């Protein structure tokens, strides 16, 4: 069965829509688009759709990824047009391409995620570049998620202050090792509730030379670990 990779944006209309509800929205979108979506076998068949990575609630995204299997071969352009016409407010189809059916599951291919964070004036701190440098030079950043202790520091791959005063961060997004932008903000002494977070890109693990693909993001290892403007 042909496998399609949909690149899409999750906009402000769905900013507070959870991961499972986004998945259900895609199911409904395929039905409205009258595309021959494939289903799993068994007593309770499920549509063969898989999202690359959950997006933290309250965040928007520019280039999220979804894999879908169809029972018939449909031209990429026709799939893109049908989905764009059927998508609800909050989901915007950016591109559709063919994926290798033999590739491993899409979530296992994701290595990192890039976020842009716009800070409200009330959340500002006196020395944001200094706070970022302190986070990047820390040996560990003990945190707790769902009652389990973990170290946030290895999950922060890059961090910088943008000329606008916002933040850009590249965080690990592997299964079992995912950095969350709101926890980075908390480590900086910022209130995540006073920030607008946008995930601008997912980086697949097999992409070569991540630094070359994200030249504006300094790596957190080596010197210098932070470029502040």
C-alpha atoms as a PDB file:
ATOM      1  CA  UNK A   1       0.000   0.000   0.000  1.00  0.00           C
ATOM      2  CA  UNK A   2       1.327   3.451  -0.863  1.00  0.00           C
ATOM      3  CA  UNK A   3       2.580   5.512   2.069  1.00  0.00           C
ATOM      4  CA  UNK A   4       2.246   9.300   2.026  1.00  0.00           C
ATOM      5  CA  UNK A   5       4.032  11.843   4.194  1.00  0.00           C
ATOM      6  CA  UNK A   6       2.008  14.957   4.928  1.00  0.00           C
ATOM      7  CA  UNK A   7       3.783  18.081   6.111  1.00  0.00           C
ATOM      8  CA  UNK A   8       1.315  20.317   7.920  1.00  0.00           C
ATOM      9  CA  UNK A   9       1.006  23.285  10.247  1.00  0.00           C
ATOM     10  CA  UNK A  10      -1.028  23.332  13.441  1.00  0.00           C
ATOM     11  CA  UNK A  11      -2.212  26.913  13.764  1.00  0.00           C
ATOM     12  CA  UNK A  12      -3.712  28.962  16.589  1.00  0.00           C
ATOM     13  CA  UNK A  13      -7.228  27.641  15.965  1.00  0.00           C
ATOM     14  CA  UNK A  14      -5.997  24.290  17.328  1.00  0.00           C
ATOM     15  CA  UNK A  15      -3.431  25.619  19.770  1.00  0.00           C
ATOM     16  CA  UNK A  16      -5.178  24.002  22.743  1.00  0.00           C
ATOM     17  CA  UNK A  17      -6.198  20.795  20.953  1.00  0.00           C
ATOM     18  CA  UNK A  18      -4.485  17.718  22.397  1.00  0.00           C
ATOM     19  CA  UNK A  19      -2.500  15.081  20.523  1.00  0.00           C
ATOM     20  CA  UNK A  20      -5.275  12.463  20.402  1.00  0.00           C
ATOM     21  CA  UNK A  21      -7.818  14.993  19.192  1.00  0.00           C
ATOM     22  CA  UNK A  22      -5.433  16.127  16.432  1.00  0.00           C
ATOM     23  CA  UNK A  23      -5.176  12.485  15.361  1.00  0.00           C
ATOM     24  CA  UNK A  24      -8.977  12.204  15.278  1.00  0.00           C
ATOM     25  CA  UNK A  25      -9.162  15.433  13.264  1.00  0.00           C
ATOM     26  CA  UNK A  26      -6.916  13.861  10.643  1.00  0.00           C
ATOM     27  CA  UNK A  27      -9.142  10.776  10.519  1.00  0.00           C
ATOM     28  CA  UNK A  28     -12.166  12.983   9.845  1.00  0.00           C
ATOM     29  CA  UNK A  29     -10.208  15.004   7.284  1.00  0.00           C
ATOM     30  CA  UNK A  30      -9.364  11.884   5.271  1.00  0.00           C
ATOM     31  CA  UNK A  31     -12.999  10.785   5.350  1.00  0.00           C
ATOM     32  CA  UNK A  32     -14.209  14.211   4.204  1.00  0.00           C
ATOM     33  CA  UNK A  33     -11.573  14.181   1.466  1.00  0.00           C
ATOM     34  CA  UNK A  34     -12.953  10.809   0.246  1.00  0.00           C
ATOM     35  CA  UNK A  35      -9.450   9.345   0.104  1.00  0.00           C
ATOM     36  CA  UNK A  36      -9.104   5.533   0.304  1.00  0.00           C
ATOM     37  CA  UNK A  37      -7.494   5.391   3.738  1.00  0.00           C
ATOM     38  CA  UNK A  38      -6.131   1.984   4.738  1.00  0.00           C
ATOM     39  CA  UNK A  39      -7.155   0.332   8.013  1.00  0.00           C
ATOM     40  CA  UNK A  40      -5.415  -2.157  10.242  1.00  0.00           C
ATOM     41  CA  UNK A  41      -6.651  -5.720  10.390  1.00  0.00           C
ATOM     42  CA  UNK A  42      -8.215  -7.416  13.385  1.00  0.00           C
ATOM     43  CA  UNK A  43     -11.345  -7.207  15.513  1.00  0.00           C
ATOM     44  CA  UNK A  44     -11.133  -3.412  15.885  1.00  0.00           C
ATOM     45  CA  UNK A  45      -9.579  -1.892  12.733  1.00  0.00           C
ATOM     46  CA  UNK A  46      -7.855   1.475  13.064  1.00  0.00           C
ATOM     47  CA  UNK A  47      -6.974   3.937  10.293  1.00  0.00           C
ATOM     48  CA  UNK A  48      -3.334   3.699   9.290  1.00  0.00           C
ATOM     49  CA  UNK A  49      -2.281   7.189  10.328  1.00  0.00           C
ATOM     50  CA  UNK A  50       0.676   8.055  12.521  1.00  0.00           C
ATOM     51  CA  UNK A  51       1.872  11.449  13.748  1.00  0.00           C
ATOM     52  CA  UNK A  52       5.613  12.002  14.066  1.00  0.00           C
ATOM     53  CA  UNK A  53       5.665  13.623  17.505  1.00  0.00           C
ATOM     54  CA  UNK A  54       3.180  14.953  20.021  1.00  0.00           C
ATOM     55  CA  UNK A  55       3.099  18.723  20.309  1.00  0.00           C
ATOM     56  CA  UNK A  56       2.907  20.197  23.830  1.00  0.00           C
ATOM     57  CA  UNK A  57      -0.537  21.610  24.566  1.00  0.00           C
ATOM     58  CA  UNK A  58      -0.673  25.342  23.895  1.00  0.00           C
ATOM     59  CA  UNK A  59       1.965  25.212  21.147  1.00  0.00           C
ATOM     60  CA  UNK A  60       1.581  25.742  17.419  1.00  0.00           C
ATOM     61  CA  UNK A  61       3.744  24.279  14.671  1.00  0.00           C
ATOM     62  CA  UNK A  62       4.965  25.064  11.176  1.00  0.00           C
ATOM     63  CA  UNK A  63       6.163  21.731   9.779  1.00  0.00           C
ATOM     64  CA  UNK A  64       4.754  18.738  11.611  1.00  0.00           C
ATOM     65  CA  UNK A  65       4.669  15.335   9.933  1.00  0.00           C
ATOM     66  CA  UNK A  66       2.016  12.671   9.444  1.00  0.00           C
ATOM     67  CA  UNK A  67       2.293   9.338   7.619  1.00  0.00           C
ATOM     68  CA  UNK A  68      -0.819   7.848   6.013  1.00  0.00           C
ATOM     69  CA  UNK A  69      -1.391   4.660   4.037  1.00  0.00           C
ATOM     70  CA  UNK A  70      -3.956   4.452   1.218  1.00  0.00           C
ATOM     71  CA  UNK A  71      -5.392   1.348  -0.382  1.00  0.00           C
ATOM     72  CA  UNK A  72      -4.979   2.839  -3.858  1.00  0.00           C
ATOM     73  CA  UNK A  73      -2.252   4.778  -5.603  1.00  0.00           C
ATOM     74  CA  UNK A  74      -3.326   8.432  -5.766  1.00  0.00           C
ATOM     75  CA  UNK A  75      -1.104  11.194  -7.222  1.00  0.00           C
ATOM     76  CA  UNK A  76       0.588  13.280  -4.533  1.00  0.00           C
ATOM     77  CA  UNK A  77      -0.945  16.476  -5.891  1.00  0.00           C
ATOM     78  CA  UNK A  78      -4.446  15.001  -5.730  1.00  0.00           C
ATOM     79  CA  UNK A  79      -3.923  13.908  -2.120  1.00  0.00           C
ATOM     80  CA  UNK A  80      -2.655  17.378  -1.185  1.00  0.00           C
ATOM     81  CA  UNK A  81      -5.572  19.117  -2.889  1.00  0.00           C
ATOM     82  CA  UNK A  82      -8.191  16.839  -1.344  1.00  0.00           C
ATOM     83  CA  UNK A  83      -6.755  17.186   2.162  1.00  0.00           C
ATOM     84  CA  UNK A  84      -6.364  20.960   1.881  1.00  0.00           C
ATOM     85  CA  UNK A  85     -10.034  21.267   0.918  1.00  0.00           C
ATOM     86  CA  UNK A  86     -11.213  19.027   3.771  1.00  0.00           C
ATOM     87  CA  UNK A  87      -8.920  20.134   6.621  1.00  0.00           C
ATOM     88  CA  UNK A  88     -10.569  21.986   9.521  1.00  0.00           C
ATOM     89  CA  UNK A  89      -9.450  25.401  10.788  1.00  0.00           C
ATOM     90  CA  UNK A  90      -6.219  24.843  12.655  1.00  0.00           C
ATOM     91  CA  UNK A  91      -4.707  22.273  10.280  1.00  0.00           C
ATOM     92  CA  UNK A  92      -2.981  23.566   7.154  1.00  0.00           C
ATOM     93  CA  UNK A  93      -1.527  21.164   4.592  1.00  0.00           C
ATOM     94  CA  UNK A  94       1.913  22.342   3.462  1.00  0.00           C
ATOM     95  CA  UNK A  95       3.117  19.450   1.283  1.00  0.00           C
ATOM     96  CA  UNK A  96       2.509  15.806   0.430  1.00  0.00           C
ATOM     97  CA  UNK A  97       5.214  13.409  -0.747  1.00  0.00           C
ATOM     98  CA  UNK A  98       5.602   9.674  -1.147  1.00  0.00           C
ATOM     99  CA  UNK A  99       7.420   7.786   1.620  1.00  0.00           C
ATOM    100  CA  UNK A 100       9.097   4.409   1.367  1.00  0.00           C
ATOM    101  CA  UNK A 101       6.616   1.796   2.655  1.00  0.00           C
ATOM    102  CA  UNK A 102       9.551  -0.088   4.203  1.00  0.00           C
ATOM    103  CA  UNK A 103      10.709   2.805   6.380  1.00  0.00           C
ATOM    104  CA  UNK A 104      10.479   2.308  10.112  1.00  0.00           C
ATOM    105  CA  UNK A 105       7.679   4.005  12.026  1.00  0.00           C
ATOM    106  CA  UNK A 106       7.774   7.782  11.719  1.00  0.00           C
ATOM    107  CA  UNK A 107       8.012   8.522  15.494  1.00  0.00           C
ATOM    108  CA  UNK A 108      11.171   6.406  15.714  1.00  0.00           C
ATOM    109  CA  UNK A 109      12.790   8.543  12.997  1.00  0.00           C
ATOM    110  CA  UNK A 110      12.482  11.847  14.858  1.00  0.00           C
ATOM    111  CA  UNK A 111      15.694  12.965  16.542  1.00  0.00           C
ATOM    112  CA  UNK A 112      15.192  16.616  17.486  1.00  0.00           C
ATOM    113  CA  UNK A 113      12.713  19.479  17.395  1.00  0.00           C
ATOM    114  CA  UNK A 114      13.326  23.204  16.940  1.00  0.00           C
ATOM    115  CA  UNK A 115      11.180  25.750  18.793  1.00  0.00           C
ATOM    116  CA  UNK A 116      10.834  29.510  18.588  1.00  0.00           C
ATOM    117  CA  UNK A 117       9.549  31.119  21.775  1.00  0.00           C
ATOM    118  CA  UNK A 118       8.063  34.604  21.972  1.00  0.00           C
ATOM    119  CA  UNK A 119       8.146  35.991  25.486  1.00  0.00           C
ATOM    120  CA  UNK A 120       5.585  38.397  26.893  1.00  0.00           C
ATOM    121  CA  UNK A 121       7.030  41.503  28.492  1.00  0.00           C
ATOM    122  CA  UNK A 122       5.816  40.432  31.936  1.00  0.00           C
ATOM    123  CA  UNK A 123       7.943  37.278  31.727  1.00  0.00           C
ATOM    124  CA  UNK A 124      11.223  39.017  30.910  1.00  0.00           C
ATOM    125  CA  UNK A 125      14.283  38.702  33.137  1.00  0.00           C
ATOM    126  CA  UNK A 126      17.214  41.086  33.436  1.00  0.00           C
ATOM    127  CA  UNK A 127      19.891  38.859  31.903  1.00  0.00           C
ATOM    128  CA  UNK A 128      18.330  36.335  29.525  1.00  0.00           C
ATOM    129  CA  UNK A 129      21.626  35.568  27.695  1.00  0.00           C
ATOM    130  CA  UNK A 130      23.275  34.955  31.068  1.00  0.00           C
ATOM    131  CA  UNK A 131      20.452  32.645  32.125  1.00  0.00           C
ATOM    132  CA  UNK A 132      20.810  30.676  28.887  1.00  0.00           C
ATOM    133  CA  UNK A 133      24.567  30.377  29.371  1.00  0.00           C
ATOM    134  CA  UNK A 134      24.023  29.141  32.923  1.00  0.00           C
ATOM    135  CA  UNK A 135      21.619  26.462  31.698  1.00  0.00           C
ATOM    136  CA  UNK A 136      23.990  25.334  28.943  1.00  0.00           C
ATOM    137  CA  UNK A 137      26.998  25.111  31.236  1.00  0.00           C
ATOM    138  CA  UNK A 138      25.121  23.236  33.977  1.00  0.00           C
ATOM    139  CA  UNK A 139      26.306  19.669  34.506  1.00  0.00           C
ATOM    140  CA  UNK A 140      22.732  18.578  35.133  1.00  0.00           C
ATOM    141  CA  UNK A 141      19.239  20.044  35.432  1.00  0.00           C
ATOM    142  CA  UNK A 142      17.218  17.681  37.627  1.00  0.00           C
ATOM    143  CA  UNK A 143      13.514  17.777  36.815  1.00  0.00           C
ATOM    144  CA  UNK A 144      10.479  15.636  37.467  1.00  0.00           C
ATOM    145  CA  UNK A 145       7.824  14.576  34.982  1.00  0.00           C
ATOM    146  CA  UNK A 146       4.800  12.509  35.946  1.00  0.00           C
ATOM    147  CA  UNK A 147       6.428  11.642  39.252  1.00  0.00           C
ATOM    148  CA  UNK A 148       9.680  10.425  37.670  1.00  0.00           C
ATOM    149  CA  UNK A 149      13.044  12.145  38.060  1.00  0.00           C
ATOM    150  CA  UNK A 150      15.122  12.901  34.965  1.00  0.00           C
ATOM    151  CA  UNK A 151      17.917  15.196  33.781  1.00  0.00           C
ATOM    152  CA  UNK A 152      16.808  17.922  31.379  1.00  0.00           C
ATOM    153  CA  UNK A 153      20.312  19.071  30.451  1.00  0.00           C
ATOM    154  CA  UNK A 154      21.222  16.289  27.935  1.00  0.00           C
ATOM    155  CA  UNK A 155      17.954  16.986  26.124  1.00  0.00           C
ATOM    156  CA  UNK A 156      18.913  20.609  25.338  1.00  0.00           C
ATOM    157  CA  UNK A 157      20.938  20.450  22.126  1.00  0.00           C
ATOM    158  CA  UNK A 158      21.047  24.181  21.379  1.00  0.00           C
ATOM    159  CA  UNK A 159      19.762  27.421  22.848  1.00  0.00           C
ATOM    160  CA  UNK A 160      20.052  31.046  21.783  1.00  0.00           C
ATOM    161  CA  UNK A 161      18.539  34.471  22.313  1.00  0.00           C
ATOM    162  CA  UNK A 162      17.115  35.953  19.118  1.00  0.00           C
ATOM    163  CA  UNK A 163      17.483  39.633  18.124  1.00  0.00           C
ATOM    164  CA  UNK A 164      13.779  40.097  18.891  1.00  0.00           C
ATOM    165  CA  UNK A 165      14.408  39.037  22.497  1.00  0.00           C
ATOM    166  CA  UNK A 166      12.743  35.671  22.057  1.00  0.00           C
ATOM    167  CA  UNK A 167      14.366  32.265  22.283  1.00  0.00           C
ATOM    168  CA  UNK A 168      15.217  29.533  19.855  1.00  0.00           C
ATOM    169  CA  UNK A 169      15.916  26.062  21.165  1.00  0.00           C
ATOM    170  CA  UNK A 170      16.699  22.678  19.677  1.00  0.00           C
ATOM    171  CA  UNK A 171      15.622  19.820  21.926  1.00  0.00           C
ATOM    172  CA  UNK A 172      15.959  16.055  21.721  1.00  0.00           C
ATOM    173  CA  UNK A 173      12.727  14.445  20.527  1.00  0.00           C
ATOM    174  CA  UNK A 174      13.565  10.762  20.631  1.00  0.00           C
ATOM    175  CA  UNK A 175      11.273   8.138  22.100  1.00  0.00           C
ATOM    176  CA  UNK A 176      11.953   8.062  25.820  1.00  0.00           C
ATOM    177  CA  UNK A 177      14.219  11.134  25.597  1.00  0.00           C
ATOM    178  CA  UNK A 178      12.149  14.186  24.758  1.00  0.00           C
ATOM    179  CA  UNK A 179      12.880  17.734  25.880  1.00  0.00           C
ATOM    180  CA  UNK A 180       9.893  19.970  26.479  1.00  0.00           C
ATOM    181  CA  UNK A 181      10.146  23.718  25.793  1.00  0.00           C
ATOM    182  CA  UNK A 182       8.069  24.712  28.816  1.00  0.00           C
ATOM    183  CA  UNK A 183      10.506  22.885  31.088  1.00  0.00           C
ATOM    184  CA  UNK A 184      13.448  24.722  29.519  1.00  0.00           C
ATOM    185  CA  UNK A 185      11.623  27.986  30.191  1.00  0.00           C
ATOM    186  CA  UNK A 186      11.096  26.970  33.808  1.00  0.00           C
ATOM    187  CA  UNK A 187      14.805  26.141  34.120  1.00  0.00           C
ATOM    188  CA  UNK A 188      15.551  29.673  32.877  1.00  0.00           C
ATOM    189  CA  UNK A 189      13.306  31.165  35.535  1.00  0.00           C
ATOM    190  CA  UNK A 190      10.575  32.091  33.058  1.00  0.00           C
ATOM    191  CA  UNK A 191       6.848  31.449  33.328  1.00  0.00           C
ATOM    192  CA  UNK A 192       5.780  29.139  30.439  1.00  0.00           C
ATOM    193  CA  UNK A 193       2.242  30.534  30.721  1.00  0.00           C
ATOM    194  CA  UNK A 194       3.609  33.904  29.526  1.00  0.00           C
ATOM    195  CA  UNK A 195       5.232  32.524  26.380  1.00  0.00           C
ATOM    196  CA  UNK A 196       3.993  31.720  22.869  1.00  0.00           C
ATOM    197  CA  UNK A 197       5.745  28.550  21.658  1.00  0.00           C
ATOM    198  CA  UNK A 198       6.029  27.550  18.006  1.00  0.00           C
ATOM    199  CA  UNK A 199       7.643  24.323  16.831  1.00  0.00           C
ATOM    200  CA  UNK A 200       9.257  25.287  13.560  1.00  0.00           C
ATOM    201  CA  UNK A 201      10.774  21.984  12.508  1.00  0.00           C
ATOM    202  CA  UNK A 202      11.199  18.298  13.271  1.00  0.00           C
ATOM    203  CA  UNK A 203      14.648  16.899  12.483  1.00  0.00           C
ATOM    204  CA  UNK A 204      14.740  13.242  11.508  1.00  0.00           C
ATOM    205  CA  UNK A 205      17.503  11.202  13.101  1.00  0.00           C
ATOM    206  CA  UNK A 206      19.003  10.085   9.790  1.00  0.00           C
ATOM    207  CA  UNK A 207      19.447  13.634   8.517  1.00  0.00           C
ATOM    208  CA  UNK A 208      23.155  14.332   8.182  1.00  0.00           C
ATOM    209  CA  UNK A 209      25.001  17.271   9.718  1.00  0.00           C
ATOM    210  CA  UNK A 210      22.235  18.863  11.760  1.00  0.00           C
ATOM    211  CA  UNK A 211      24.395  21.913  12.398  1.00  0.00           C
ATOM    212  CA  UNK A 212      24.635  22.594   8.676  1.00  0.00           C
ATOM    213  CA  UNK A 213      20.848  22.345   8.376  1.00  0.00           C
ATOM    214  CA  UNK A 214      20.281  24.746  11.288  1.00  0.00           C
ATOM    215  CA  UNK A 215      23.104  27.297  10.957  1.00  0.00           C
ATOM    216  CA  UNK A 216      21.446  29.801  13.299  1.00  0.00           C
ATOM    217  CA  UNK A 217      21.503  27.343  16.174  1.00  0.00           C
ATOM    218  CA  UNK A 218      24.819  26.891  17.982  1.00  0.00           C
ATOM    219  CA  UNK A 219      25.445  23.432  19.374  1.00  0.00           C
ATOM    220  CA  UNK A 220      25.359  23.159  23.139  1.00  0.00           C
ATOM    221  CA  UNK A 221      28.650  21.257  23.188  1.00  0.00           C
ATOM    222  CA  UNK A 222      31.936  22.932  22.334  1.00  0.00           C
ATOM    223  CA  UNK A 223      32.694  26.618  22.266  1.00  0.00           C
ATOM    224  CA  UNK A 224      30.889  28.888  22.250  1.00  0.00           C
ATOM    225  CA  UNK A 225      27.718  27.180  23.568  1.00  0.00           C
ATOM    226  CA  UNK A 226      25.550  30.264  23.162  1.00  0.00           C
ATOM    227  CA  UNK A 227      25.285  33.148  20.740  1.00  0.00           C
ATOM    228  CA  UNK A 228      23.337  36.008  22.271  1.00  0.00           C
ATOM    229  CA  UNK A 229      22.241  39.088  20.402  1.00  0.00           C
END
